[in-house]
């Protein structure tokens, strides 16, 4: 009984550690022909339409769109000016069961390319 409890505890700890740590590498990197401002103008209404509450901040070369998450680290979209358009970095934490289908966050990011 004790080895089973220890194994269950170790597995639960690994799952929680994955949710608690913030991602350092982007989940997805995309290229767009749109400028960061045009991209943000497209993606923000899509996120709001999916009942997400994005917060937008900008610099002279980029836009950062943050969507709070109730169960993990916030989801972040960063659009940077790059040559003939922009480069988009998506930082998203998935729950274990939801890795098979793209989330509404990821779909909005790809729809606006």
Protein backbone atom coordinates (compact mmCIF):
# COMPACT_ATOMS: atom_id res chain seq x y z
CA UNK A 1 0.00 0.00 0.00
CA UNK A 2 2.81 2.37 0.85
CA UNK A 3 4.60 2.06 -2.56
CA UNK A 4 1.34 2.83 -4.36
CA UNK A 5 0.79 5.93 -2.21
CA UNK A 6 4.38 7.09 -2.85
CA UNK A 7 4.01 6.58 -6.58
CA UNK A 8 0.71 8.49 -6.61
CA UNK A 9 2.23 11.33 -4.62
CA UNK A 10 5.22 11.57 -6.96
CA UNK A 11 2.97 11.63 -10.03
CA UNK A 12 0.73 14.33 -8.52
CA UNK A 13 3.80 16.42 -7.65
CA UNK A 14 5.06 16.22 -11.24
CA UNK A 15 1.70 17.35 -12.60
CA UNK A 16 1.53 20.29 -10.22
CA UNK A 17 5.13 21.28 -10.92
CA UNK A 18 4.32 21.46 -14.63
CA UNK A 19 1.39 23.79 -13.98
CA UNK A 20 3.27 26.00 -11.56
CA UNK A 21 6.27 26.74 -13.74
CA UNK A 22 6.06 29.49 -16.34
CA UNK A 23 7.03 28.57 -19.89
CA UNK A 24 10.36 29.91 -21.09
CA UNK A 25 10.13 28.79 -24.69
CA UNK A 26 7.20 29.70 -26.92
CA UNK A 27 4.59 27.02 -27.43
CA UNK A 28 4.23 28.18 -31.01
CA UNK A 29 6.10 30.62 -33.27
CA UNK A 30 4.26 32.08 -36.26
CA UNK A 31 5.10 34.42 -39.14
CA UNK A 32 2.56 36.96 -40.42
CA UNK A 33 2.46 39.53 -43.20
CA UNK A 34 0.62 41.91 -40.84
CA UNK A 35 2.26 44.52 -38.68
CA UNK A 36 2.06 43.94 -34.90
CA UNK A 37 -0.70 46.60 -34.65
CA UNK A 38 -2.78 44.99 -37.44
CA UNK A 39 -2.31 41.57 -35.86
CA UNK A 40 -3.39 42.83 -32.41
CA UNK A 41 -6.43 44.56 -33.98
CA UNK A 42 -7.45 41.19 -35.44
CA UNK A 43 -6.74 38.87 -32.51
CA UNK A 44 -8.12 40.89 -29.57
CA UNK A 45 -11.78 40.84 -30.77
CA UNK A 46 -11.48 37.09 -31.46
CA UNK A 47 -10.25 36.49 -27.91
CA UNK A 48 -13.04 38.65 -26.49
CA UNK A 49 -15.53 36.70 -28.61
CA UNK A 50 -14.26 33.49 -26.99
CA UNK A 51 -15.11 34.90 -23.55
CA UNK A 52 -11.45 35.56 -22.76
CA UNK A 53 -10.36 38.86 -21.20
CA UNK A 54 -7.17 40.02 -22.94
CA UNK A 55 -4.97 42.81 -21.66
CA UNK A 56 -2.95 44.60 -24.35
CA UNK A 57 0.30 46.51 -23.93
CA UNK A 58 2.52 47.93 -26.64
CA UNK A 59 5.96 49.30 -27.36
CA UNK A 60 7.23 50.92 -30.53
CA UNK A 61 8.08 47.50 -32.05
CA UNK A 62 5.72 45.02 -30.39
CA UNK A 63 2.35 44.17 -28.86
CA UNK A 64 1.86 41.90 -25.88
CA UNK A 65 -1.55 40.32 -25.29
CA UNK A 66 -2.06 38.57 -21.95
CA UNK A 67 -5.05 36.35 -21.18
CA UNK A 68 -5.36 35.37 -17.51
CA UNK A 69 -5.77 31.68 -16.71
CA UNK A 70 -7.63 30.29 -13.71
CA UNK A 71 -5.63 27.06 -13.49
CA UNK A 72 -2.10 27.85 -14.70
CA UNK A 73 0.27 30.61 -15.76
CA UNK A 74 -1.24 33.37 -17.92
CA UNK A 75 -1.37 32.80 -21.68
CA UNK A 76 0.68 35.34 -23.64
CA UNK A 77 0.82 36.37 -27.30
CA UNK A 78 3.69 38.60 -28.38
CA UNK A 79 3.76 40.15 -31.87
CA UNK A 80 7.04 41.76 -32.97
CA UNK A 81 7.88 43.83 -36.03
CA UNK A 82 10.03 41.74 -38.38
CA UNK A 83 11.03 42.63 -41.94
CA UNK A 84 7.93 42.36 -44.14
CA UNK A 85 5.37 41.96 -41.36
CA UNK A 86 5.68 40.40 -37.95
CA UNK A 87 6.66 37.42 -35.88
CA UNK A 88 4.23 36.05 -33.29
CA UNK A 89 5.20 34.07 -30.20
CA UNK A 90 2.51 32.14 -28.34
CA UNK A 91 3.09 31.10 -24.72
CA UNK A 92 0.33 28.82 -23.51
CA UNK A 93 0.06 26.30 -20.69
CA UNK A 94 -2.11 23.29 -21.52
CA UNK A 95 -3.83 20.99 -19.10
CA UNK A 96 -2.84 17.39 -19.72
CA UNK A 97 -6.19 16.42 -21.25
CA UNK A 98 -6.43 19.42 -23.59
CA UNK A 99 -3.23 18.93 -25.60
CA UNK A 100 -5.00 17.15 -28.46
CA UNK A 101 -7.06 20.02 -29.88
CA UNK A 102 -6.02 23.65 -30.35
CA UNK A 103 -7.45 25.96 -27.70
CA UNK A 104 -9.54 29.02 -28.55
CA UNK A 105 -6.42 31.06 -27.70
CA UNK A 106 -4.31 29.20 -30.27
CA UNK A 107 -7.11 29.23 -32.89
CA UNK A 108 -7.47 33.03 -32.57
CA UNK A 109 -3.69 33.41 -32.96
CA UNK A 110 -3.64 31.31 -36.15
CA UNK A 111 -6.82 32.79 -37.65
CA UNK A 112 -5.26 36.25 -37.72
CA UNK A 113 -2.12 35.38 -39.63
